[in-house]
């Protein structure tokens, strides 16, 4: 079963101790990836607790990056918040 998160719930995870973001309606907990991100953790923290779809796509991430992203998925944005 898919775990759904509300936007309100996701917005609470907006710092380096707990970093969640939405990309294409999927919710990711990228907290443990912050220090490994090639672009620096600051760019991720700017999007923390929010929908980062546009920013993610604008950068033009590689197929490898997209595969890696799948390892951080924790659920999906609740349909009422789409």
N, C-alpha and C. Protein backbone atom coordinates (compact mmCIF):
# COMPACT_ATOMS: atom_id res chain seq x y z
N UNK A 1 0.83 -1.20 0.00
CA UNK A 1 0.00 0.00 0.00
C UNK A 1 0.87 1.25 0.00
N UNK A 2 0.43 2.24 -0.72
CA UNK A 2 1.16 3.51 -0.81
C UNK A 2 0.87 4.34 0.43
N UNK A 3 1.90 4.95 0.97
CA UNK A 3 1.74 5.87 2.10
C UNK A 3 1.54 7.27 1.54
N UNK A 4 0.46 7.93 1.93
CA UNK A 4 0.18 9.29 1.47
C UNK A 4 0.50 10.29 2.56
N UNK A 5 1.09 11.42 2.14
CA UNK A 5 1.41 12.50 3.06
C UNK A 5 0.71 13.77 2.60
N UNK A 6 0.22 14.55 3.56
CA UNK A 6 -0.39 15.83 3.21
C UNK A 6 0.70 16.87 3.03
N UNK A 7 0.38 17.91 2.30
CA UNK A 7 1.32 19.01 2.09
C UNK A 7 1.71 19.63 3.43
N UNK A 8 0.74 19.75 4.32
CA UNK A 8 1.01 20.31 5.64
C UNK A 8 2.05 19.48 6.39
N UNK A 9 1.93 18.17 6.30
CA UNK A 9 2.88 17.27 6.94
C UNK A 9 4.28 17.38 6.33
N UNK A 10 4.34 17.45 5.02
CA UNK A 10 5.61 17.54 4.30
C UNK A 10 6.33 18.85 4.62
N UNK A 11 5.59 19.92 4.73
CA UNK A 11 6.17 21.24 4.98
C UNK A 11 6.91 21.32 6.31
N UNK A 12 6.61 20.43 7.24
CA UNK A 12 7.29 20.42 8.54
C UNK A 12 8.72 19.88 8.44
N UNK A 13 9.04 19.19 7.35
CA UNK A 13 10.35 18.57 7.16
C UNK A 13 11.19 19.45 6.25
N UNK A 14 11.57 20.62 6.77
CA UNK A 14 12.19 21.65 5.94
C UNK A 14 13.55 22.13 6.46
N UNK A 15 14.29 21.20 7.06
CA UNK A 15 15.59 21.58 7.61
C UNK A 15 16.58 20.43 7.46
N UNK A 16 17.81 20.65 7.86
CA UNK A 16 18.87 19.66 7.67
C UNK A 16 18.70 18.41 8.54
N UNK A 17 17.91 18.51 9.61
CA UNK A 17 17.66 17.35 10.46
C UNK A 17 16.61 16.42 9.87
N UNK A 18 15.73 16.98 9.06
CA UNK A 18 14.67 16.20 8.39
C UNK A 18 14.29 16.93 7.10
N UNK A 19 14.74 16.39 5.99
CA UNK A 19 14.58 17.05 4.70
C UNK A 19 13.73 16.21 3.76
N UNK A 20 12.50 16.65 3.56
CA UNK A 20 11.60 15.98 2.63
C UNK A 20 11.32 16.92 1.47
N UNK A 21 11.02 16.34 0.31
CA UNK A 21 10.57 17.15 -0.81
C UNK A 21 9.68 16.32 -1.72
N UNK A 22 8.94 17.04 -2.56
CA UNK A 22 8.02 16.41 -3.51
C UNK A 22 8.62 16.58 -4.90
N UNK A 23 8.64 15.49 -5.66
CA UNK A 23 9.02 15.55 -7.07
C UNK A 23 8.04 14.65 -7.82
N UNK A 24 7.30 15.24 -8.74
CA UNK A 24 6.28 14.52 -9.50
C UNK A 24 5.33 13.75 -8.58
N UNK A 25 4.85 14.44 -7.56
CA UNK A 25 3.85 13.93 -6.60
C UNK A 25 4.36 12.81 -5.70
N UNK A 26 5.62 12.47 -5.82
CA UNK A 26 6.19 11.47 -4.92
C UNK A 26 6.95 12.22 -3.82
N UNK A 27 6.94 11.65 -2.61
CA UNK A 27 7.57 12.28 -1.46
C UNK A 27 8.88 11.56 -1.16
N UNK A 28 9.94 12.36 -1.01
CA UNK A 28 11.28 11.81 -0.77
C UNK A 28 11.83 12.35 0.53
N UNK A 29 12.46 11.47 1.30
CA UNK A 29 13.21 11.88 2.49
C UNK A 29 14.69 11.82 2.08
N UNK A 30 15.25 12.98 1.81
CA UNK A 30 16.63 13.06 1.31
C UNK A 30 17.62 13.51 2.39
N UNK A 31 17.20 13.42 3.63
CA UNK A 31 18.05 13.87 4.74
C UNK A 31 19.45 13.28 4.68
N UNK A 32 19.54 11.97 4.51
CA UNK A 32 20.86 11.31 4.52
C UNK A 32 21.67 11.59 3.26
N UNK A 33 21.05 12.20 2.23
CA UNK A 33 21.74 12.50 0.98
C UNK A 33 22.32 13.91 0.96
N UNK A 34 21.92 14.76 1.88
CA UNK A 34 22.34 16.18 1.86
C UNK A 34 23.84 16.35 1.66
N UNK A 35 24.63 15.67 2.47
CA UNK A 35 26.08 15.86 2.42
C UNK A 35 26.71 15.25 1.16
N UNK A 36 25.97 14.39 0.46
CA UNK A 36 26.51 13.74 -0.73
C UNK A 36 26.12 14.44 -2.03
N UNK A 37 25.17 15.36 -1.97
CA UNK A 37 24.65 15.99 -3.19
C UNK A 37 25.75 16.78 -3.90
N UNK A 38 26.00 16.47 -5.17
CA UNK A 38 27.09 17.15 -5.91
C UNK A 38 26.92 18.67 -6.00
N UNK A 39 25.69 19.14 -5.96
CA UNK A 39 25.43 20.58 -6.05
C UNK A 39 25.45 21.28 -4.70
N UNK A 40 25.75 20.53 -3.65
CA UNK A 40 25.76 21.10 -2.30
C UNK A 40 24.42 20.97 -1.62
N UNK A 41 24.45 20.92 -0.31
CA UNK A 41 23.20 20.72 0.42
C UNK A 41 22.31 21.96 0.40
N UNK A 42 22.90 23.14 0.19
CA UNK A 42 22.12 24.38 0.23
C UNK A 42 20.98 24.37 -0.79
N UNK A 43 21.27 23.87 -2.01
CA UNK A 43 20.23 23.87 -3.05
C UNK A 43 19.08 22.94 -2.68
N UNK A 44 19.37 21.88 -1.96
CA UNK A 44 18.32 20.97 -1.51
C UNK A 44 17.52 21.59 -0.38
N UNK A 45 18.21 22.24 0.53
CA UNK A 45 17.52 22.85 1.67
C UNK A 45 16.60 23.98 1.23
N UNK A 46 16.92 24.65 0.12
CA UNK A 46 16.04 25.70 -0.41
C UNK A 46 14.68 25.13 -0.82
N UNK A 47 14.66 23.86 -1.20
CA UNK A 47 13.43 23.21 -1.66
C UNK A 47 12.79 22.32 -0.58
N UNK A 48 13.42 22.24 0.56
CA UNK A 48 12.95 21.34 1.63
C UNK A 48 11.52 21.66 2.06
N UNK A 49 10.73 20.62 2.18
CA UNK A 49 9.34 20.78 2.62
C UNK A 49 8.41 21.28 1.53
N UNK A 50 8.86 21.26 0.28
CA UNK A 50 8.08 21.84 -0.81
C UNK A 50 8.14 20.97 -2.06
N UNK A 51 7.43 21.42 -3.09
CA UNK A 51 7.45 20.73 -4.37
C UNK A 51 8.66 21.21 -5.16
N UNK A 52 9.60 20.30 -5.38
CA UNK A 52 10.85 20.62 -6.06
C UNK A 52 10.87 20.12 -7.50
N UNK A 53 9.72 19.76 -8.04
CA UNK A 53 9.66 19.19 -9.38
C UNK A 53 10.31 20.09 -10.42
N UNK A 54 9.91 21.35 -10.45
CA UNK A 54 10.43 22.27 -11.46
C UNK A 54 11.94 22.44 -11.32
N UNK A 55 12.42 22.63 -10.12
CA UNK A 55 13.86 22.79 -9.89
C UNK A 55 14.62 21.54 -10.29
N UNK A 56 14.08 20.37 -9.95
CA UNK A 56 14.73 19.11 -10.30
C UNK A 56 14.84 18.96 -11.81
N UNK A 57 13.77 19.26 -12.53
CA UNK A 57 13.77 19.13 -13.98
C UNK A 57 14.62 20.19 -14.67
N UNK A 58 14.65 21.40 -14.12
CA UNK A 58 15.45 22.49 -14.71
C UNK A 58 16.93 22.17 -14.72
N UNK A 59 17.39 21.42 -13.73
CA UNK A 59 18.80 21.08 -13.63
C UNK A 59 19.21 20.05 -14.69
N UNK A 60 18.27 19.23 -15.09
CA UNK A 60 18.57 18.20 -16.09
C UNK A 60 19.38 17.06 -15.48
N UNK A 61 18.83 16.43 -14.48
CA UNK A 61 19.52 15.33 -13.80
C UNK A 61 19.73 14.13 -14.72
N UNK A 62 20.81 13.43 -14.50
CA UNK A 62 21.19 12.26 -15.30
C UNK A 62 20.28 11.08 -14.99
N UNK A 63 20.27 10.08 -15.87
CA UNK A 63 19.52 8.85 -15.58
C UNK A 63 19.99 8.20 -14.27
N UNK A 64 21.27 8.26 -13.98
CA UNK A 64 21.78 7.70 -12.72
C UNK A 64 21.20 8.44 -11.52
N UNK A 65 21.11 9.76 -11.62
CA UNK A 65 20.54 10.56 -10.53
C UNK A 65 19.07 10.21 -10.33
N UNK A 66 18.36 10.00 -11.41
CA UNK A 66 16.94 9.64 -11.33
C UNK A 66 16.76 8.26 -10.69
N UNK A 67 17.66 7.34 -11.00
CA UNK A 67 17.62 6.02 -10.38
C UNK A 67 17.90 6.12 -8.88
N UNK A 68 18.90 6.92 -8.53
CA UNK A 68 19.26 7.10 -7.13
C UNK A 68 18.10 7.72 -6.35
N UNK A 69 17.40 8.64 -6.97
CA UNK A 69 16.27 9.30 -6.32
C UNK A 69 15.24 8.29 -5.82
N UNK A 70 15.03 7.24 -6.59
CA UNK A 70 14.04 6.22 -6.22
C UNK A 70 14.34 5.59 -4.85
N UNK A 71 15.60 5.59 -4.45
CA UNK A 71 15.95 4.97 -3.16
C UNK A 71 15.51 5.81 -1.97
N UNK A 72 15.09 7.04 -2.21
CA UNK A 72 14.70 7.95 -1.13
C UNK A 72 13.19 8.12 -1.00
N UNK A 73 12.42 7.44 -1.84
CA UNK A 73 10.97 7.62 -1.83
C UNK A 73 10.36 7.04 -0.55
N UNK A 74 9.45 7.82 0.05
CA UNK A 74 8.77 7.35 1.26
C UNK A 74 7.25 7.30 1.07
N UNK A 75 6.76 7.87 -0.02
CA UNK A 75 5.32 7.85 -0.26
C UNK A 75 4.95 8.82 -1.37
N UNK A 76 3.67 9.22 -1.35
CA UNK A 76 3.17 10.12 -2.37
C UNK A 76 2.38 11.26 -1.72
N UNK A 77 2.31 12.36 -2.45
CA UNK A 77 1.51 13.49 -2.01
C UNK A 77 0.04 13.09 -2.03
N UNK A 78 -0.66 13.40 -0.98
CA UNK A 78 -2.08 13.05 -0.88
C UNK A 78 -2.83 13.66 -2.06
N UNK A 79 -3.73 12.89 -2.68
CA UNK A 79 -4.47 13.40 -3.86
C UNK A 79 -5.18 14.72 -3.62
N UNK A 80 -5.65 14.97 -2.40
CA UNK A 80 -6.35 16.24 -2.11
C UNK A 80 -5.42 17.44 -2.18
N UNK A 81 -4.10 17.22 -2.12
CA UNK A 81 -3.12 18.32 -2.13
C UNK A 81 -2.48 18.52 -3.51
N UNK A 82 -2.94 17.80 -4.50
CA UNK A 82 -2.32 17.91 -5.84
C UNK A 82 -2.90 19.07 -6.61
